[in-house]
Amino acid sequence: MIVLGIETSCDETSAAVVKDGREVLSNEVASSIKFHKKYGGVVPEIASRMQLETISQITESALKEARVKLKDIDLLSVTCGPGLLGSLLVGISFAKSLSLSLEIPLIGINHVHSHFYANFLKRREGIKFPFIALVVSGGHTSLFYVSSFDKIKTLGQTYDDACGEAFDKVAKILGLGYPGGPLIERFALKGNPRSIKFNCSGAKGVLDFSFSGIKTAVLYYVRKANGPTGQRANRITNNICASFQEAVIDVLVKKSILACRKNRVKSLLLGGGVVANEVLRKRFINLCNEHGLKCYIPLQETCMDNAAMVAGLGYQLFKKGYKSDLYLNTGLN
């Protein structure tokens, strides 16, 4: 089955062609991030306008790269939430118009769930159910118990800042720029991760997350250390980045392993943009090995928002009998 995926939940515009849920024939992504940088975050109006202008061209490019035509598509899979309302509407409206005009079945997909499905793309080794999934991105930090593609239980989540959002805010406090994740990772390489004691506390449950407190702790530390210049200032910035990153990765790893132990599961899947962090990837692999767990991490290019993971999950759910109609709207009902 050939599936055309459409993803427009935030600042990316993506279209992908995936065969039988795993073989990625194309995965085109256009980002509007350069237009958001000067504002220090994603501006919804700018994101949706750019998606409206580019979605047709991105889809044409994906079809050309995959060497297929619209008449060859068997299913349209589109993100319907969560995400920015205007952005989601661009993708959904585009997918519905193709579905109606070409008489191709349509299915709406949960963006967060599609992130951990990225592990199934281009992978020969079979991933067995059940498993624990951790999704960490700019807008979401959640732990799931997954017994099948349509049976997903939320075990824990953040009740304030998402993990990626905390990276962006700390980078802004330090005057590093946007997006914060890659910048903090780069500065952290030069710092001492044990030089400052930060921690992520305040979560409601043992498997929940809270990143608001550590962001505030960094702000207070920077205010207290305000004044140094030159090499000392650079060293302090490097140490703050390294210590902040260390604390965040530590809580993500500990709670993910705890979720596996509590649910007697031997496999852990990661997903989301934050998972592109090399320190995080190595830490998860090493500690999962120590605890006898299998750790699956997506390829770098499928960590960020992309349509291939949406197409892949759509294929799996369609096989189980799920599909949407032309009343599909934003939301997950």
C-alpha atoms as a PDB file:
ATOM      1  CA  MET A   1       0.000   0.000   0.000  1.00  0.00           C
ATOM      2  CA  ILE A   2       1.284   3.454  -0.962  1.00  0.00           C
ATOM      3  CA  VAL A   3       0.479   6.174   1.596  1.00  0.00           C
ATOM      4  CA  LEU A   4       0.873   9.921   1.161  1.00  0.00           C
ATOM      5  CA  GLY A   5       1.510  11.594   4.509  1.00  0.00           C
ATOM      6  CA  ILE A   6       0.894  15.273   5.286  1.00  0.00           C
ATOM      7  CA  GLU A   7       2.333  16.980   8.384  1.00  0.00           C
ATOM      8  CA  THR A   8       1.687  20.656   9.269  1.00  0.00           C
ATOM      9  CA  SER A   9       1.337  20.709  13.054  1.00  0.00           C
ATOM     10  CA  CYS A  10       3.876  23.461  13.792  1.00  0.00           C
ATOM     11  CA  ASP A  11       6.488  25.313  11.707  1.00  0.00           C
ATOM     12  CA  GLU A  12       7.331  22.504   9.277  1.00  0.00           C
ATOM     13  CA  THR A  13       5.513  21.693   6.053  1.00  0.00           C
ATOM     14  CA  SER A  14       6.096  18.055   5.152  1.00  0.00           C
ATOM     15  CA  ALA A  15       4.861  15.495   2.659  1.00  0.00           C
ATOM     16  CA  ALA A  16       6.082  11.907   2.384  1.00  0.00           C
ATOM     17  CA  VAL A  17       5.367   8.761   0.435  1.00  0.00           C
ATOM     18  CA  VAL A  18       5.691   5.526   2.415  1.00  0.00           C
ATOM     19  CA  LYS A  19       5.135   1.976   1.217  1.00  0.00           C
ATOM     20  CA  ASP A  20       3.601  -0.621   3.551  1.00  0.00           C
ATOM     21  CA  GLY A  21       4.236   1.471   6.645  1.00  0.00           C
ATOM     22  CA  ARG A  22       8.041   1.144   6.674  1.00  0.00           C
ATOM     23  CA  GLU A  23       9.680   1.807   3.321  1.00  0.00           C
ATOM     24  CA  VAL A  24      10.192   5.573   2.959  1.00  0.00           C
ATOM     25  CA  LEU A  25      10.111   6.462  -0.741  1.00  0.00           C
ATOM     26  CA  SER A  26      10.340  10.196  -0.046  1.00  0.00           C
ATOM     27  CA  ASN A  27      10.154  12.548   2.920  1.00  0.00           C
ATOM     28  CA  GLU A  28      10.207  16.247   2.007  1.00  0.00           C
ATOM     29  CA  VAL A  29      10.333  18.848   4.782  1.00  0.00           C
ATOM     30  CA  ALA A  30      10.330  22.649   4.525  1.00  0.00           C
ATOM     31  CA  SER A  31      10.818  24.674   7.701  1.00  0.00           C
ATOM     32  CA  SER A  32       9.863  28.294   8.323  1.00  0.00           C
ATOM     33  CA  ILE A  33      12.184  28.510  11.329  1.00  0.00           C
ATOM     34  CA  LYS A  34      14.283  31.326   9.849  1.00  0.00           C
ATOM     35  CA  PHE A  35      11.208  33.570   9.925  1.00  0.00           C
ATOM     36  CA  HIS A  36      10.603  32.835  13.617  1.00  0.00           C
ATOM     37  CA  LYS A  37      14.148  33.325  14.918  1.00  0.00           C
ATOM     38  CA  LYS A  38      13.915  37.057  15.501  1.00  0.00           C
ATOM     39  CA  TYR A  39      10.808  36.514  17.657  1.00  0.00           C
ATOM     40  CA  GLY A  40      12.439  33.820  19.804  1.00  0.00           C
ATOM     41  CA  GLY A  41       9.736  31.259  19.090  1.00  0.00           C
ATOM     42  CA  VAL A  42       7.161  30.070  16.570  1.00  0.00           C
ATOM     43  CA  VAL A  43       4.648  32.709  15.442  1.00  0.00           C
ATOM     44  CA  PRO A  44       1.470  30.777  14.487  1.00  0.00           C
ATOM     45  CA  GLU A  45       0.347  33.243  11.820  1.00  0.00           C
ATOM     46  CA  ILE A  46       3.712  33.124  10.044  1.00  0.00           C
ATOM     47  CA  ALA A  47       3.821  29.314  10.242  1.00  0.00           C
ATOM     48  CA  SER A  48       0.366  28.789   8.720  1.00  0.00           C
ATOM     49  CA  ARG A  49       0.937  31.360   5.954  1.00  0.00           C
ATOM     50  CA  MET A  50       4.172  29.673   4.907  1.00  0.00           C
ATOM     51  CA  GLN A  51       2.483  26.260   4.969  1.00  0.00           C
ATOM     52  CA  LEU A  52      -0.359  27.546   2.807  1.00  0.00           C
ATOM     53  CA  GLU A  53       2.171  28.856   0.294  1.00  0.00           C
ATOM     54  CA  THR A  54       4.357  25.748   0.155  1.00  0.00           C
ATOM     55  CA  ILE A  55       2.216  22.644   0.751  1.00  0.00           C
ATOM     56  CA  SER A  56       1.396  22.072  -2.926  1.00  0.00           C
ATOM     57  CA  GLN A  57       5.036  22.334  -4.002  1.00  0.00           C
ATOM     58  CA  ILE A  58       6.243  20.116  -1.141  1.00  0.00           C
ATOM     59  CA  THR A  59       3.701  17.441  -2.064  1.00  0.00           C
ATOM     60  CA  GLU A  60       4.676  17.601  -5.735  1.00  0.00           C
ATOM     61  CA  SER A  61       8.324  17.258  -4.731  1.00  0.00           C
ATOM     62  CA  ALA A  62       7.566  14.233  -2.523  1.00  0.00           C
ATOM     63  CA  LEU A  63       5.668  12.497  -5.320  1.00  0.00           C
ATOM     64  CA  LYS A  64       8.448  13.227  -7.811  1.00  0.00           C
ATOM     65  CA  GLU A  65      11.142  11.953  -5.434  1.00  0.00           C
ATOM     66  CA  ALA A  66       9.145   8.763  -4.816  1.00  0.00           C
ATOM     67  CA  ARG A  67       8.501   8.364  -8.546  1.00  0.00           C
ATOM     68  CA  VAL A  68       4.781   7.917  -8.064  1.00  0.00           C
ATOM     69  CA  LYS A  69       1.709   9.820  -9.228  1.00  0.00           C
ATOM     70  CA  LEU A  70      -1.393  10.810  -7.305  1.00  0.00           C
ATOM     71  CA  LYS A  71      -3.318   7.985  -9.003  1.00  0.00           C
ATOM     72  CA  ASP A  72      -0.891   5.519  -7.355  1.00  0.00           C
ATOM     73  CA  ILE A  73      -1.729   6.696  -3.806  1.00  0.00           C
ATOM     74  CA  ASP A  74      -3.914   4.290  -1.821  1.00  0.00           C
ATOM     75  CA  LEU A  75      -4.337   6.317   1.382  1.00  0.00           C
ATOM     76  CA  LEU A  76      -3.979   9.899   2.623  1.00  0.00           C
ATOM     77  CA  SER A  77      -2.668  10.213   6.181  1.00  0.00           C
ATOM     78  CA  VAL A  78      -2.685  13.661   7.797  1.00  0.00           C
ATOM     79  CA  THR A  79      -1.882  15.076  11.217  1.00  0.00           C
ATOM     80  CA  CYS A  80      -5.064  16.338  12.895  1.00  0.00           C
ATOM     81  CA  GLY A  81      -3.621  17.286  16.296  1.00  0.00           C
ATOM     82  CA  PRO A  82      -2.240  18.323  18.613  1.00  0.00           C
ATOM     83  CA  GLY A  83      -0.599  21.401  17.129  1.00  0.00           C
ATOM     84  CA  LEU A  84      -1.180  24.982  16.018  1.00  0.00           C
ATOM     85  CA  LEU A  85      -4.794  25.410  14.905  1.00  0.00           C
ATOM     86  CA  GLY A  86      -4.099  27.379  11.730  1.00  0.00           C
ATOM     87  CA  SER A  87      -1.266  25.084  10.704  1.00  0.00           C
ATOM     88  CA  LEU A  88      -3.318  21.928  11.243  1.00  0.00           C
ATOM     89  CA  LEU A  89      -6.170  23.343   9.174  1.00  0.00           C
ATOM     90  CA  VAL A  90      -3.846  23.892   6.207  1.00  0.00           C
ATOM     91  CA  GLY A  91      -2.792  20.233   6.144  1.00  0.00           C
ATOM     92  CA  ILE A  92      -6.241  18.823   6.881  1.00  0.00           C
ATOM     93  CA  SER A  93      -7.946  20.969   4.229  1.00  0.00           C
ATOM     94  CA  PHE A  94      -5.327  20.009   1.651  1.00  0.00           C
ATOM     95  CA  ALA A  95      -5.640  16.292   2.460  1.00  0.00           C
ATOM     96  CA  LYS A  96      -9.444  16.412   2.381  1.00  0.00           C
ATOM     97  CA  SER A  97      -9.438  18.125  -1.024  1.00  0.00           C
ATOM     98  CA  LEU A  98      -7.202  15.373  -2.435  1.00  0.00           C
ATOM     99  CA  SER A  99      -9.331  12.683  -0.812  1.00  0.00           C
ATOM    100  CA  LEU A 100     -12.531  14.106  -2.283  1.00  0.00           C
ATOM    101  CA  SER A 101     -11.235  14.827  -5.775  1.00  0.00           C
ATOM    102  CA  LEU A 102      -9.294  11.580  -6.204  1.00  0.00           C
ATOM    103  CA  GLU A 103     -11.621   9.330  -4.153  1.00  0.00           C
ATOM    104  CA  ILE A 104      -8.765   8.199  -1.913  1.00  0.00           C
ATOM    105  CA  PRO A 105      -9.494   7.134   1.702  1.00  0.00           C
ATOM    106  CA  LEU A 106      -8.393   9.525   4.437  1.00  0.00           C
ATOM    107  CA  ILE A 107      -7.172   9.055   8.014  1.00  0.00           C
ATOM    108  CA  GLY A 108      -6.367  11.608  10.720  1.00  0.00           C
ATOM    109  CA  ILE A 109      -3.328  10.922  12.915  1.00  0.00           C
ATOM    110  CA  ASN A 110      -2.209  11.923  16.413  1.00  0.00           C
ATOM    111  CA  HIS A 111       1.001  13.884  15.931  1.00  0.00           C
ATOM    112  CA  VAL A 112       2.518  12.818  19.264  1.00  0.00           C
ATOM    113  CA  HIS A 113       1.903   9.112  18.647  1.00  0.00           C
ATOM    114  CA  SER A 114       3.463   9.383  15.196  1.00  0.00           C
ATOM    115  CA  HIS A 115       6.732  10.525  16.795  1.00  0.00           C
ATOM    116  CA  PHE A 116       7.423   7.141  18.384  1.00  0.00           C
ATOM    117  CA  TYR A 117       6.287   5.409  15.190  1.00  0.00           C
ATOM    118  CA  ALA A 118       9.379   6.948  13.565  1.00  0.00           C
ATOM    119  CA  ASN A 119      11.271   4.008  15.087  1.00  0.00           C
ATOM    120  CA  PHE A 120       9.479   1.604  12.727  1.00  0.00           C
ATOM    121  CA  LEU A 121      10.666   3.400   9.586  1.00  0.00           C
ATOM    122  CA  LYS A 122      13.599   1.875   7.686  1.00  0.00           C
ATOM    123  CA  ARG A 123      14.077  -0.726  10.451  1.00  0.00           C
ATOM    124  CA  ARG A 124      14.559  -4.415   9.694  1.00  0.00           C
ATOM    125  CA  GLU A 125      14.523  -5.583  13.287  1.00  0.00           C
ATOM    126  CA  GLY A 126      11.007  -6.164  14.564  1.00  0.00           C
ATOM    127  CA  ILE A 127       9.850  -4.127  17.569  1.00  0.00           C
ATOM    128  CA  LYS A 128       7.628  -6.212  19.798  1.00  0.00           C
ATOM    129  CA  PHE A 129       4.587  -5.061  21.762  1.00  0.00           C
ATOM    130  CA  PRO A 130       4.101  -3.975  24.453  1.00  0.00           C
ATOM    131  CA  PHE A 131       6.641  -1.197  24.874  1.00  0.00           C
ATOM    132  CA  ILE A 132       7.106   2.105  26.677  1.00  0.00           C
ATOM    133  CA  ALA A 133       7.391   5.214  24.506  1.00  0.00           C
ATOM    134  CA  LEU A 134       8.863   8.564  25.510  1.00  0.00           C
ATOM    135  CA  VAL A 135       8.101  11.566  23.291  1.00  0.00           C
ATOM    136  CA  VAL A 136      10.097  14.732  24.004  1.00  0.00           C
ATOM    137  CA  SER A 137       9.709  17.762  21.776  1.00  0.00           C
ATOM    138  CA  GLY A 138       9.153  21.500  21.827  1.00  0.00           C
ATOM    139  CA  GLY A 139       5.502  21.106  22.748  1.00  0.00           C
ATOM    140  CA  HIS A 140       5.223  17.680  24.365  1.00  0.00           C
ATOM    141  CA  THR A 141       6.848  15.487  26.995  1.00  0.00           C
ATOM    142  CA  SER A 142       4.904  12.268  27.548  1.00  0.00           C
ATOM    143  CA  LEU A 143       5.359   8.642  28.561  1.00  0.00           C
ATOM    144  CA  PHE A 144       3.093   5.999  27.005  1.00  0.00           C
ATOM    145  CA  TYR A 145       2.361   2.317  27.481  1.00  0.00           C
ATOM    146  CA  VAL A 146       1.756   0.933  23.991  1.00  0.00           C
ATOM    147  CA  SER A 147       0.183  -2.506  23.605  1.00  0.00           C
ATOM    148  CA  SER A 148      -0.740  -2.006  19.926  1.00  0.00           C
ATOM    149  CA  PHE A 149      -0.899   0.867  17.457  1.00  0.00           C
ATOM    150  CA  ASP A 150      -4.451   1.665  18.524  1.00  0.00           C
ATOM    151  CA  LYS A 151      -4.101   0.935  22.247  1.00  0.00           C
ATOM    152  CA  ILE A 152      -1.955   3.661  23.791  1.00  0.00           C
ATOM    153  CA  LYS A 153      -2.162   4.643  27.455  1.00  0.00           C
ATOM    154  CA  THR A 154      -0.621   7.840  28.834  1.00  0.00           C
ATOM    155  CA  LEU A 155       1.487   7.080  31.919  1.00  0.00           C
ATOM    156  CA  GLY A 156       2.919  10.520  32.565  1.00  0.00           C
ATOM    157  CA  GLN A 157       3.326  13.942  31.030  1.00  0.00           C
ATOM    158  CA  THR A 158       4.476  17.460  31.767  1.00  0.00           C
ATOM    159  CA  TYR A 159       2.036  19.831  33.388  1.00  0.00           C
ATOM    160  CA  ASP A 160       3.991  23.010  32.614  1.00  0.00           C
ATOM    161  CA  ASP A 161       6.825  23.522  30.136  1.00  0.00           C
ATOM    162  CA  ALA A 162       7.610  20.802  27.628  1.00  0.00           C
ATOM    163  CA  CYS A 163      11.214  19.634  27.507  1.00  0.00           C
ATOM    164  CA  GLY A 164      12.059  21.364  24.231  1.00  0.00           C
ATOM    165  CA  GLU A 165      10.291  24.508  25.399  1.00  0.00           C
ATOM    166  CA  ALA A 166      12.531  24.571  28.487  1.00  0.00           C
ATOM    167  CA  PHE A 167      15.621  24.344  26.247  1.00  0.00           C
ATOM    168  CA  ASP A 168      14.349  27.317  24.220  1.00  0.00           C
ATOM    169  CA  LYS A 169      13.628  29.415  27.322  1.00  0.00           C
ATOM    170  CA  VAL A 170      16.987  28.677  28.947  1.00  0.00           C
ATOM    171  CA  ALA A 171      18.738  29.593  25.704  1.00  0.00           C
ATOM    172  CA  LYS A 172      16.811  32.872  25.690  1.00  0.00           C
ATOM    173  CA  ILE A 173      17.815  33.579  29.307  1.00  0.00           C
ATOM    174  CA  LEU A 174      21.455  33.049  28.317  1.00  0.00           C
ATOM    175  CA  GLY A 175      21.086  35.154  25.175  1.00  0.00           C
ATOM    176  CA  LEU A 176      22.072  32.290  22.884  1.00  0.00           C
ATOM    177  CA  GLY A 177      19.274  32.523  20.328  1.00  0.00           C
ATOM    178  CA  TYR A 178      16.571  30.254  18.919  1.00  0.00           C
ATOM    179  CA  PRO A 179      15.980  27.321  18.666  1.00  0.00           C
ATOM    180  CA  GLY A 180      17.593  26.539  21.997  1.00  0.00           C
ATOM    181  CA  GLY A 181      18.156  22.782  21.805  1.00  0.00           C
ATOM    182  CA  PRO A 182      21.073  22.665  19.347  1.00  0.00           C
ATOM    183  CA  LEU A 183      22.651  25.789  20.879  1.00  0.00           C
ATOM    184  CA  ILE A 184      22.602  24.481  24.446  1.00  0.00           C
ATOM    185  CA  GLU A 185      23.943  21.124  23.255  1.00  0.00           C
ATOM    186  CA  ARG A 186      26.845  22.887  21.534  1.00  0.00           C
ATOM    187  CA  PHE A 187      27.771  25.061  24.525  1.00  0.00           C
ATOM    188  CA  ALA A 188      27.320  22.115  26.914  1.00  0.00           C
ATOM    189  CA  LEU A 189      30.122  20.220  25.179  1.00  0.00           C
ATOM    190  CA  LYS A 190      32.569  22.793  26.579  1.00  0.00           C
ATOM    191  CA  GLY A 191      31.134  22.832  30.096  1.00  0.00           C
ATOM    192  CA  ASN A 192      31.192  20.727  33.259  1.00  0.00           C
ATOM    193  CA  PRO A 193      27.811  18.987  33.742  1.00  0.00           C
ATOM    194  CA  ARG A 194      28.448  18.605  37.478  1.00  0.00           C
ATOM    195  CA  SER A 195      29.521  22.176  38.177  1.00  0.00           C
ATOM    196  CA  ILE A 196      26.005  23.395  39.094  1.00  0.00           C
ATOM    197  CA  LYS A 197      23.298  21.406  40.869  1.00  0.00           C
ATOM    198  CA  PHE A 198      20.036  21.810  38.964  1.00  0.00           C
ATOM    199  CA  ASN A 199      17.084  19.440  39.259  1.00  0.00           C
ATOM    200  CA  CYS A 200      13.669  18.925  37.698  1.00  0.00           C
ATOM    201  CA  SER A 201      11.206  18.805  40.589  1.00  0.00           C
ATOM    202  CA  GLY A 202       7.566  19.657  41.161  1.00  0.00           C
ATOM    203  CA  ALA A 203       5.910  16.904  39.102  1.00  0.00           C
ATOM    204  CA  LYS A 204       2.527  15.659  40.326  1.00  0.00           C
ATOM    205  CA  GLY A 205       3.162  11.966  39.846  1.00  0.00           C
ATOM    206  CA  VAL A 206       6.197   9.680  39.791  1.00  0.00           C
ATOM    207  CA  LEU A 207       6.013   9.432  35.995  1.00  0.00           C
ATOM    208  CA  ASP A 208       5.055  13.058  35.363  1.00  0.00           C
ATOM    209  CA  PHE A 209       7.455  15.840  34.408  1.00  0.00           C
ATOM    210  CA  SER A 210       7.997  19.471  35.335  1.00  0.00           C
ATOM    211  CA  PHE A 211      10.538  21.754  33.674  1.00  0.00           C
ATOM    212  CA  SER A 212       9.279  25.130  34.847  1.00  0.00           C
ATOM    213  CA  GLY A 213      11.261  25.001  38.100  1.00  0.00           C
ATOM    214  CA  ILE A 214      14.626  24.272  36.510  1.00  0.00           C
ATOM    215  CA  LYS A 215      14.076  27.092  34.024  1.00  0.00           C
ATOM    216  CA  THR A 216      13.484  29.483  36.937  1.00  0.00           C
ATOM    217  CA  ALA A 217      16.532  28.121  38.770  1.00  0.00           C
ATOM    218  CA  VAL A 218      18.677  28.913  35.728  1.00  0.00           C
ATOM    219  CA  LEU A 219      17.229  32.438  35.611  1.00  0.00           C
ATOM    220  CA  TYR A 220      18.104  33.070  39.278  1.00  0.00           C
ATOM    221  CA  TYR A 221      21.584  31.621  38.813  1.00  0.00           C
ATOM    222  CA  VAL A 222      22.237  33.868  35.813  1.00  0.00           C
ATOM    223  CA  ARG A 223      21.043  36.934  37.712  1.00  0.00           C
ATOM    224  CA  LYS A 224      23.305  36.081  40.634  1.00  0.00           C
ATOM    225  CA  ALA A 225      26.280  35.520  38.342  1.00  0.00           C
ATOM    226  CA  ASN A 226      25.584  38.631  36.267  1.00  0.00           C
ATOM    227  CA  GLY A 227      28.642  40.772  35.731  1.00  0.00           C
ATOM    228  CA  PRO A 228      31.565  38.572  34.614  1.00  0.00           C
ATOM    229  CA  THR A 229      32.992  39.220  31.159  1.00  0.00           C
ATOM    230  CA  GLY A 230      35.401  37.513  28.803  1.00  0.00           C
ATOM    231  CA  GLN A 231      36.552  33.952  29.346  1.00  0.00           C
ATOM    232  CA  ARG A 232      34.950  33.645  32.797  1.00  0.00           C
ATOM    233  CA  ALA A 233      31.537  34.591  31.368  1.00  0.00           C
ATOM    234  CA  ASN A 234      31.959  32.025  28.598  1.00  0.00           C
ATOM    235  CA  ARG A 235      32.907  29.354  31.122  1.00  0.00           C
ATOM    236  CA  ILE A 236      29.852  30.124  33.251  1.00  0.00           C
ATOM    237  CA  THR A 237      27.571  29.895  30.201  1.00  0.00           C
ATOM    238  CA  ASN A 238      29.113  26.579  29.182  1.00  0.00           C
ATOM    239  CA  ASN A 239      28.697  25.187  32.701  1.00  0.00           C
ATOM    240  CA  ILE A 240      25.086  26.348  32.942  1.00  0.00           C
ATOM    241  CA  CYS A 241      24.264  24.677  29.622  1.00  0.00           C
ATOM    242  CA  ALA A 242      26.029  21.455  30.585  1.00  0.00           C
ATOM    243  CA  SER A 243      24.450  21.297  34.056  1.00  0.00           C
ATOM    244  CA  PHE A 244      20.970  22.140  32.778  1.00  0.00           C
ATOM    245  CA  GLN A 245      21.217  19.526  30.029  1.00  0.00           C
ATOM    246  CA  GLU A 246      22.519  16.949  32.499  1.00  0.00           C
ATOM    247  CA  ALA A 247      19.592  17.479  34.878  1.00  0.00           C
ATOM    248  CA  VAL A 248      17.002  17.263  32.108  1.00  0.00           C
ATOM    249  CA  ILE A 249      18.465  14.110  30.562  1.00  0.00           C
ATOM    250  CA  ASP A 250      18.796  12.534  34.005  1.00  0.00           C
ATOM    251  CA  VAL A 251      15.087  12.903  34.806  1.00  0.00           C
ATOM    252  CA  LEU A 252      14.030  11.703  31.353  1.00  0.00           C
ATOM    253  CA  VAL A 253      16.146   8.564  31.639  1.00  0.00           C
ATOM    254  CA  LYS A 254      15.186   7.757  35.234  1.00  0.00           C
ATOM    255  CA  LYS A 255      11.430   8.085  34.671  1.00  0.00           C
ATOM    256  CA  SER A 256      11.524   6.152  31.401  1.00  0.00           C
ATOM    257  CA  ILE A 257      13.377   3.245  33.015  1.00  0.00           C
ATOM    258  CA  LEU A 258      11.007   3.395  36.004  1.00  0.00           C
ATOM    259  CA  ALA A 259       8.034   3.176  33.611  1.00  0.00           C
ATOM    260  CA  CYS A 260       9.563   0.070  32.013  1.00  0.00           C
ATOM    261  CA  ARG A 261      10.136  -1.554  35.398  1.00  0.00           C
ATOM    262  CA  LYS A 262       6.677  -0.713  36.774  1.00  0.00           C
ATOM    263  CA  ASN A 263       4.985  -2.133  33.688  1.00  0.00           C
ATOM    264  CA  ARG A 264       7.389  -5.083  33.259  1.00  0.00           C
ATOM    265  CA  VAL A 265       8.297  -4.027  29.738  1.00  0.00           C
ATOM    266  CA  LYS A 266      11.658  -4.703  28.120  1.00  0.00           C
ATOM    267  CA  SER A 267      11.561  -2.216  25.229  1.00  0.00           C
ATOM    268  CA  LEU A 268      11.746   1.585  25.263  1.00  0.00           C
ATOM    269  CA  LEU A 269      11.078   3.733  22.184  1.00  0.00           C
ATOM    270  CA  LEU A 270      12.074   7.397  21.963  1.00  0.00           C
ATOM    271  CA  GLY A 271      10.677  10.086  19.696  1.00  0.00           C
ATOM    272  CA  GLY A 272      10.545  13.841  19.199  1.00  0.00           C
ATOM    273  CA  GLY A 273      12.925  16.644  18.295  1.00  0.00           C
ATOM    274  CA  VAL A 274      14.797  16.627  21.606  1.00  0.00           C
ATOM    275  CA  VAL A 275      15.879  13.038  20.866  1.00  0.00           C
ATOM    276  CA  ALA A 276      18.249  14.453  18.225  1.00  0.00           C
ATOM    277  CA  ASN A 277      20.520  15.455  21.140  1.00  0.00           C
ATOM    278  CA  GLU A 278      23.600  13.211  20.934  1.00  0.00           C
ATOM    279  CA  VAL A 279      24.298  13.239  24.684  1.00  0.00           C
ATOM    280  CA  LEU A 280      20.723  12.135  25.362  1.00  0.00           C
ATOM    281  CA  ARG A 281      20.911   9.354  22.778  1.00  0.00           C
ATOM    282  CA  LYS A 282      24.132   7.930  24.218  1.00  0.00           C
ATOM    283  CA  ARG A 283      22.872   8.158  27.809  1.00  0.00           C
ATOM    284  CA  PHE A 284      19.664   6.302  27.019  1.00  0.00           C
ATOM    285  CA  ILE A 285      21.467   3.558  25.111  1.00  0.00           C
ATOM    286  CA  ASN A 286      24.065   3.024  27.850  1.00  0.00           C
ATOM    287  CA  LEU A 287      21.651   3.023  30.794  1.00  0.00           C
ATOM    288  CA  CYS A 288      19.067   0.868  29.017  1.00  0.00           C
ATOM    289  CA  ASN A 289      21.801  -1.690  28.352  1.00  0.00           C
ATOM    290  CA  GLU A 290      22.723  -1.628  32.053  1.00  0.00           C
ATOM    291  CA  HIS A 291      19.094  -2.355  32.984  1.00  0.00           C
ATOM    292  CA  GLY A 292      18.606  -5.075  30.378  1.00  0.00           C
ATOM    293  CA  LEU A 293      16.289  -2.959  28.215  1.00  0.00           C
ATOM    294  CA  LYS A 294      16.181  -2.574  24.449  1.00  0.00           C
ATOM    295  CA  CYS A 295      16.310   1.086  23.467  1.00  0.00           C
ATOM    296  CA  TYR A 296      15.064   2.186  20.050  1.00  0.00           C
ATOM    297  CA  ILE A 297      15.885   5.665  18.754  1.00  0.00           C
ATOM    298  CA  PRO A 298      14.783   7.101  15.384  1.00  0.00           C
ATOM    299  CA  LEU A 299      17.225   8.224  12.749  1.00  0.00           C
ATOM    300  CA  GLN A 300      18.240  11.866  13.109  1.00  0.00           C
ATOM    301  CA  GLU A 301      16.169  12.944  10.091  1.00  0.00           C
ATOM    302  CA  THR A 302      12.967  11.468  11.525  1.00  0.00           C
ATOM    303  CA  CYS A 303      13.284  12.922  15.020  1.00  0.00           C
ATOM    304  CA  MET A 304      11.949  16.308  13.934  1.00  0.00           C
ATOM    305  CA  ASP A 305       8.403  16.765  12.595  1.00  0.00           C
ATOM    306  CA  ASN A 306       8.022  14.902   9.306  1.00  0.00           C
ATOM    307  CA  ALA A 307       5.304  13.297   7.225  1.00  0.00           C
ATOM    308  CA  ALA A 308       6.905   9.846   6.891  1.00  0.00           C
ATOM    309  CA  MET A 309       6.025   8.940  10.477  1.00  0.00           C
ATOM    310  CA  VAL A 310       2.463  10.194   9.881  1.00  0.00           C
ATOM    311  CA  ALA A 311       2.125   8.073   6.746  1.00  0.00           C
ATOM    312  CA  GLY A 312       3.556   5.012   8.495  1.00  0.00           C
ATOM    313  CA  LEU A 313       1.197   5.177  11.471  1.00  0.00           C
ATOM    314  CA  GLY A 314      -1.718   5.896   9.138  1.00  0.00           C
ATOM    315  CA  TYR A 315      -0.994   2.663   7.268  1.00  0.00           C
ATOM    316  CA  GLN A 316      -1.008   0.626  10.497  1.00  0.00           C
ATOM    317  CA  LEU A 317      -4.281   2.111  11.738  1.00  0.00           C
ATOM    318  CA  PHE A 318      -5.984   1.818   8.347  1.00  0.00           C
ATOM    319  CA  LYS A 319      -5.141  -1.899   8.331  1.00  0.00           C
ATOM    320  CA  LYS A 320      -6.994  -2.157  11.637  1.00  0.00           C
ATOM    321  CA  GLY A 321     -10.109  -0.625  10.100  1.00  0.00           C
ATOM    322  CA  TYR A 322      -9.710   3.005  11.101  1.00  0.00           C
ATOM    323  CA  LYS A 323     -10.457   5.828   8.667  1.00  0.00           C
ATOM    324  CA  SER A 324     -11.794   9.371   8.672  1.00  0.00           C
ATOM    325  CA  ASP A 325     -14.405  11.165   6.597  1.00  0.00           C
ATOM    326  CA  LEU A 326     -14.635  14.666   5.191  1.00  0.00           C
ATOM    327  CA  TYR A 327     -15.828  15.948   8.575  1.00  0.00           C
ATOM    328  CA  LEU A 328     -12.282  15.444   9.879  1.00  0.00           C
ATOM    329  CA  ASN A 329     -11.219  18.502  11.842  1.00  0.00           C
ATOM    330  CA  THR A 330      -8.510  19.537  14.282  1.00  0.00           C
ATOM    331  CA  GLY A 331      -8.554  17.520  17.493  1.00  0.00           C
ATOM    332  CA  LEU A 332      -8.191  13.854  18.356  1.00  0.00           C
ATOM    333  CA  ASN A 333     -11.767  12.633  18.678  1.00  0.00           C
END
